[in-house]
């Protein structure tokens, strides 16, 4: 089977935050199919590369073979909007029913209406402003060495992009703006801002590795990434080595621990670096 011919003839689907494919990009054939392959990542040497672009009929990335979804259940990974909206609407509905004597509880109908309106309004606002988390796929071997090798920045980065955020346009927006200098001299136009669609935890040469998988916009060259490799390494360091791997329609940024132990809690701290996100504390080397 000619894989390149299939890849060339298949329509390109762009995944957004949380690994979801926008519904308007699906054809009737895609909706009826159980799964759809977009492209495959080409193995590099003896590295255990994976195909991260298998999506199910809901447009969500499937867990690749050899990887697991190991994100712990935390309150930050729960959508407050999906909780407050039905609660508020339920109070409003019952309050109106009780007020017009269609349901029992007329004595408390005013309280139900008073509390139901702001709760439902807050739920709608949070649902509108929320940024869904991206999926995190982990190798079991990487989970075993995460605690002993992962740097503080790697842990902070992984935790931040795998939780719901509110009011942000996309994950790592501040970090990408500092690296690519969108709209500034010697920078890129804002329309070329890449989108983080998934993160992976791997083991490369015995070292813990956090891979950031970005979808890039059409017209953005690989040179824009390679020319900023040192800047990316400095921003997400210390204690890591950056490896860039282009793929069809995107770029993978691997943050590989260098084995020095730098950047871990209790280590020597030097220069202050910009925060990864607005509102976060400044980072230190």
Protein backbone atom coordinates (compact mmCIF):
# COMPACT_ATOMS: atom_id res chain seq x y z
CA UNK A 1 0.00 0.00 0.00
CA UNK A 2 1.36 3.42 -0.97
CA UNK A 3 1.23 5.30 2.32
CA UNK A 4 2.42 8.59 0.82
CA UNK A 5 -0.35 8.47 -1.79
CA UNK A 6 -2.98 7.86 0.89
CA UNK A 7 -1.61 10.68 3.04
CA UNK A 8 -1.57 13.05 0.08
CA UNK A 9 -5.14 12.23 -0.94
CA UNK A 10 -6.57 12.40 2.59
CA UNK A 11 -8.05 15.73 3.71
CA UNK A 12 -6.00 17.50 6.34
CA UNK A 13 -7.65 17.77 9.72
CA UNK A 14 -6.40 20.29 12.26
CA UNK A 15 -6.72 19.31 15.90
CA UNK A 16 -7.46 22.03 18.42
CA UNK A 17 -6.92 22.20 22.19
CA UNK A 18 -7.77 18.95 23.92
CA UNK A 19 -7.02 16.97 20.77
CA UNK A 20 -10.45 17.62 19.22
CA UNK A 21 -11.05 17.98 15.50
CA UNK A 22 -13.42 20.86 14.66
CA UNK A 23 -16.76 19.38 13.54
CA UNK A 24 -16.91 21.48 10.38
CA UNK A 25 -13.82 19.69 9.05
CA UNK A 26 -15.47 16.26 9.19
CA UNK A 27 -17.18 14.87 6.12
CA UNK A 28 -20.03 12.39 6.26
CA UNK A 29 -17.53 9.64 5.54
CA UNK A 30 -15.41 10.68 8.52
CA UNK A 31 -18.41 10.79 10.83
CA UNK A 32 -19.45 7.25 9.95
CA UNK A 33 -15.96 5.82 10.24
CA UNK A 34 -14.90 4.38 13.57
CA UNK A 35 -11.41 5.79 13.28
CA UNK A 36 -9.43 7.84 10.83
CA UNK A 37 -5.70 7.93 10.17
CA UNK A 38 -4.29 11.26 9.13
CA UNK A 39 -0.55 10.75 9.03
CA UNK A 40 2.09 8.62 10.71
CA UNK A 41 5.21 9.74 12.46
CA UNK A 42 8.27 8.31 10.78
CA UNK A 43 10.55 6.31 13.13
CA UNK A 44 13.90 7.96 13.76
CA UNK A 45 16.74 5.54 14.40
CA UNK A 46 15.84 3.08 17.13
CA UNK A 47 13.63 5.56 18.94
CA UNK A 48 10.19 4.37 19.97
CA UNK A 49 8.16 6.82 17.88
CA UNK A 50 4.39 6.68 17.81
CA UNK A 51 1.55 7.76 15.56
CA UNK A 52 -0.32 10.39 17.56
CA UNK A 53 -2.89 11.27 14.95
CA UNK A 54 -5.41 8.42 15.31
CA UNK A 55 -8.75 9.96 16.18
CA UNK A 56 -12.03 8.32 17.10
CA UNK A 57 -15.47 9.22 15.78
CA UNK A 58 -15.73 12.01 18.37
CA UNK A 59 -12.59 13.67 17.02
CA UNK A 60 -10.51 12.82 20.11
CA UNK A 61 -6.96 11.50 19.95
CA UNK A 62 -6.74 7.81 20.75
CA UNK A 63 -4.18 6.49 23.21
CA UNK A 64 -1.27 5.11 21.14
CA UNK A 65 0.02 1.58 21.64
CA UNK A 66 2.53 1.38 24.48
CA UNK A 67 1.17 4.52 26.16
CA UNK A 68 -1.38 5.09 28.93
CA UNK A 69 -3.48 8.00 30.19
CA UNK A 70 -2.17 8.49 33.71
CA UNK A 71 -3.44 11.94 34.68
CA UNK A 72 -4.65 11.85 38.30
CA UNK A 73 -8.13 13.11 39.13
CA UNK A 74 -7.77 16.67 40.42
CA UNK A 75 -10.18 19.53 40.84
CA UNK A 76 -8.26 21.55 38.22
CA UNK A 77 -9.12 18.88 35.63
CA UNK A 78 -12.86 19.31 36.20
CA UNK A 79 -14.86 21.81 34.17
CA UNK A 80 -16.55 24.18 36.62
CA UNK A 81 -18.83 25.39 33.87
CA UNK A 82 -20.21 21.89 33.24
CA UNK A 83 -21.08 21.64 36.94
CA UNK A 84 -22.47 25.10 37.68
CA UNK A 85 -24.57 25.38 34.53
CA UNK A 86 -26.87 22.37 35.15
CA UNK A 87 -27.07 23.18 38.87
CA UNK A 88 -28.11 26.76 38.18
CA UNK A 89 -30.59 25.78 35.47
CA UNK A 90 -32.06 23.13 37.76
CA UNK A 91 -32.61 25.67 40.53
CA UNK A 92 -34.15 28.14 38.07
CA UNK A 93 -36.46 25.54 36.55
CA UNK A 94 -37.70 24.28 39.89
CA UNK A 95 -37.98 27.84 41.21
CA UNK A 96 -40.23 28.91 38.34
CA UNK A 97 -42.28 25.74 38.68
CA UNK A 98 -42.75 26.31 42.40
CA UNK A 99 -43.50 30.02 41.92
CA UNK A 100 -46.37 29.24 39.51
CA UNK A 101 -47.53 26.42 41.82
CA UNK A 102 -46.76 23.75 39.26
CA UNK A 103 -44.37 22.11 41.72
CA UNK A 104 -44.32 21.93 45.51
CA UNK A 105 -42.11 24.31 47.48
CA UNK A 106 -43.67 27.68 46.79
CA UNK A 107 -42.27 29.05 50.05
CA UNK A 108 -38.68 28.67 48.84
CA UNK A 109 -39.25 29.51 45.17
CA UNK A 110 -37.83 33.00 45.60
CA UNK A 111 -34.62 31.61 47.11
CA UNK A 112 -34.27 29.12 44.27
CA UNK A 113 -34.63 31.90 41.72
CA UNK A 114 -32.24 34.21 43.57
CA UNK A 115 -29.49 31.58 43.75
CA UNK A 116 -30.25 29.84 40.47
CA UNK A 117 -29.81 32.90 38.27
CA UNK A 118 -26.22 33.87 39.28
CA UNK A 119 -25.10 30.24 39.44
CA UNK A 120 -26.35 29.51 35.92
CA UNK A 121 -24.91 32.81 34.66
CA UNK A 122 -21.52 31.98 36.18
CA UNK A 123 -21.67 28.50 34.67
CA UNK A 124 -22.35 29.90 31.20
CA UNK A 125 -19.48 32.38 31.56
CA UNK A 126 -17.00 29.72 32.66
CA UNK A 127 -18.09 27.37 29.88
CA UNK A 128 -17.56 30.12 27.32
CA UNK A 129 -14.14 31.17 28.66
CA UNK A 130 -12.72 27.72 29.39
CA UNK A 131 -9.75 26.25 27.57
CA UNK A 132 -9.89 22.47 27.54
CA UNK A 133 -6.84 20.46 28.67
CA UNK A 134 -4.71 18.65 26.12
CA UNK A 135 -4.32 14.86 26.40
CA UNK A 136 -1.18 13.47 28.03
CA UNK A 137 0.06 10.06 26.87
CA UNK A 138 2.66 8.38 29.07
CA UNK A 139 4.93 5.40 28.71
CA UNK A 140 4.88 3.26 31.88
CA UNK A 141 8.69 3.45 31.95
CA UNK A 142 8.52 7.26 31.93
CA UNK A 143 6.13 7.28 34.87
CA UNK A 144 8.61 5.22 36.88
CA UNK A 145 11.47 7.70 36.43
CA UNK A 146 9.42 10.92 36.40
CA UNK A 147 9.85 11.61 40.11
CA UNK A 148 13.59 11.02 40.07
CA UNK A 149 14.46 12.80 36.80
CA UNK A 150 11.80 15.33 35.75
CA UNK A 151 12.71 18.98 36.28
CA UNK A 152 10.43 21.42 38.08
CA UNK A 153 9.62 23.17 34.79
CA UNK A 154 8.67 19.88 33.11
CA UNK A 155 6.31 19.04 35.98
CA UNK A 156 4.85 22.54 36.02
CA UNK A 157 4.40 22.50 32.26
CA UNK A 158 2.71 19.09 32.22
CA UNK A 159 0.34 19.96 35.06
CA UNK A 160 -0.57 23.31 33.52
CA UNK A 161 -1.56 22.13 30.04
CA UNK A 162 -3.53 19.12 31.33
CA UNK A 163 -6.01 21.16 33.35
CA UNK A 164 -8.83 23.53 32.47
CA UNK A 165 -7.82 27.16 32.09
CA UNK A 166 -10.12 30.16 31.93
CA UNK A 167 -9.67 33.33 29.89
CA UNK A 168 -6.69 32.08 27.86
CA UNK A 169 -6.85 31.76 24.09
CA UNK A 170 -4.58 28.71 23.96
CA UNK A 171 -2.07 26.74 25.99
CA UNK A 172 1.46 28.17 26.37
CA UNK A 173 0.35 31.40 24.75
CA UNK A 174 2.73 33.53 26.83
CA UNK A 175 5.66 31.16 26.29
CA UNK A 176 5.13 31.02 22.52
CA UNK A 177 4.79 34.81 22.35
CA UNK A 178 8.17 35.25 24.03
CA UNK A 179 9.86 32.64 21.85
CA UNK A 180 8.46 33.70 18.46
CA UNK A 181 7.93 37.41 19.26
CA UNK A 182 4.58 37.62 17.48
CA UNK A 183 3.99 40.99 15.85
CA UNK A 184 7.45 42.31 16.81
CA UNK A 185 10.64 43.00 14.92
CA UNK A 186 12.31 39.79 13.68
CA UNK A 187 9.28 37.90 14.91
CA UNK A 188 6.38 36.08 13.27
CA UNK A 189 2.87 37.25 12.46
CA UNK A 190 0.33 36.24 15.08
CA UNK A 191 -1.53 34.08 12.58
CA UNK A 192 1.40 31.61 12.57
CA UNK A 193 1.11 30.85 16.29
CA UNK A 194 1.31 27.03 16.69
CA UNK A 195 -1.31 25.16 18.70
CA UNK A 196 -0.45 22.57 21.35
CA UNK A 197 -2.56 19.46 20.73
CA UNK A 198 -0.97 16.82 22.98
CA UNK A 199 1.92 16.03 25.31
CA UNK A 200 3.75 12.75 25.75
CA UNK A 201 6.00 11.31 28.42
CA UNK A 202 8.72 9.08 26.99
CA UNK A 203 12.10 7.61 27.83
CA UNK A 204 14.90 8.48 25.40
CA UNK A 205 18.34 7.07 26.03
CA UNK A 206 17.35 6.38 29.62
CA UNK A 207 16.28 10.00 30.26
CA UNK A 208 12.81 11.31 31.08
CA UNK A 209 11.40 13.20 28.10
CA UNK A 210 8.38 15.47 27.82
CA UNK A 211 7.26 15.89 24.19
CA UNK A 212 5.14 18.88 23.20
CA UNK A 213 3.16 18.15 20.04
CA UNK A 214 2.22 21.28 18.10
CA UNK A 215 0.02 21.80 15.07
CA UNK A 216 1.53 24.49 12.85
CA UNK A 217 -0.23 26.82 10.46
CA UNK A 218 0.24 26.51 6.72
CA UNK A 219 3.15 28.68 5.62
CA UNK A 220 5.23 28.29 8.78
CA UNK A 221 8.62 26.83 7.87
CA UNK A 222 10.63 24.36 9.99
CA UNK A 223 13.45 26.90 10.01
CA UNK A 224 11.37 29.09 12.31
CA UNK A 225 11.69 26.34 14.92
CA UNK A 226 15.32 25.33 14.36
CA UNK A 227 16.54 28.94 14.44
CA UNK A 228 14.99 29.31 17.90
CA UNK A 229 16.16 26.00 19.34
CA UNK A 230 18.58 27.60 21.79
CA UNK A 231 15.94 30.08 22.89
CA UNK A 232 13.45 27.26 23.50
CA UNK A 233 16.05 25.34 25.51
CA UNK A 234 16.87 28.41 27.58
CA UNK A 235 13.19 29.17 28.23
CA UNK A 236 12.24 25.67 29.37
CA UNK A 237 15.57 24.96 31.08
CA UNK A 238 17.72 24.41 32.93
CA UNK A 239 18.46 20.70 33.06
CA UNK A 240 16.99 19.82 29.66
CA UNK A 241 18.11 19.36 26.07
CA UNK A 242 15.70 20.29 23.28
CA UNK A 243 15.21 18.08 20.25
CA UNK A 244 12.99 19.21 17.37
CA UNK A 245 11.22 16.70 15.11
CA UNK A 246 9.13 18.02 12.21
CA UNK A 247 6.09 16.03 11.14
CA UNK A 248 3.40 16.57 8.56
CA UNK A 249 1.40 19.58 9.65
CA UNK A 250 3.25 20.09 12.90
CA UNK A 251 6.36 20.06 15.05
CA UNK A 252 7.34 17.99 18.06
CA UNK A 253 9.45 19.66 20.74
CA UNK A 254 11.13 17.09 23.01
CA UNK A 255 12.38 18.35 26.38
CA UNK A 256 14.93 15.70 27.40
CA UNK A 257 16.53 15.77 30.84
CA UNK A 258 20.31 16.00 30.55
CA UNK A 259 21.09 13.94 33.66
CA UNK A 260 22.78 16.84 35.46
CA UNK A 261 20.02 17.22 38.03
CA UNK A 262 19.79 20.95 37.32
CA UNK A 263 16.36 22.52 37.51
CA UNK A 264 15.15 20.17 40.22
CA UNK A 265 13.89 21.31 43.60
CA UNK A 266 16.73 22.07 45.99
CA UNK A 267 19.27 22.61 43.22
CA UNK A 268 21.31 25.73 42.67
CA UNK A 269 19.19 28.67 41.51
CA UNK A 270 20.60 31.39 39.29
CA UNK A 271 18.99 33.86 36.93
CA UNK A 272 15.27 34.60 37.06
CA UNK A 273 13.40 33.65 33.86
CA UNK A 274 9.97 34.83 32.66
CA UNK A 275 6.94 32.86 33.91
CA UNK A 276 5.42 30.21 31.67
CA UNK A 277 1.98 31.79 32.00
CA UNK A 278 0.60 35.14 33.21
CA UNK A 279 0.02 35.04 36.94
CA UNK A 280 2.65 32.38 37.59
CA UNK A 281 5.78 32.99 39.64
CA UNK A 282 9.02 33.83 37.79
CA UNK A 283 11.15 30.79 37.06
CA UNK A 284 14.71 30.39 38.26
CA UNK A 285 17.66 28.48 36.89
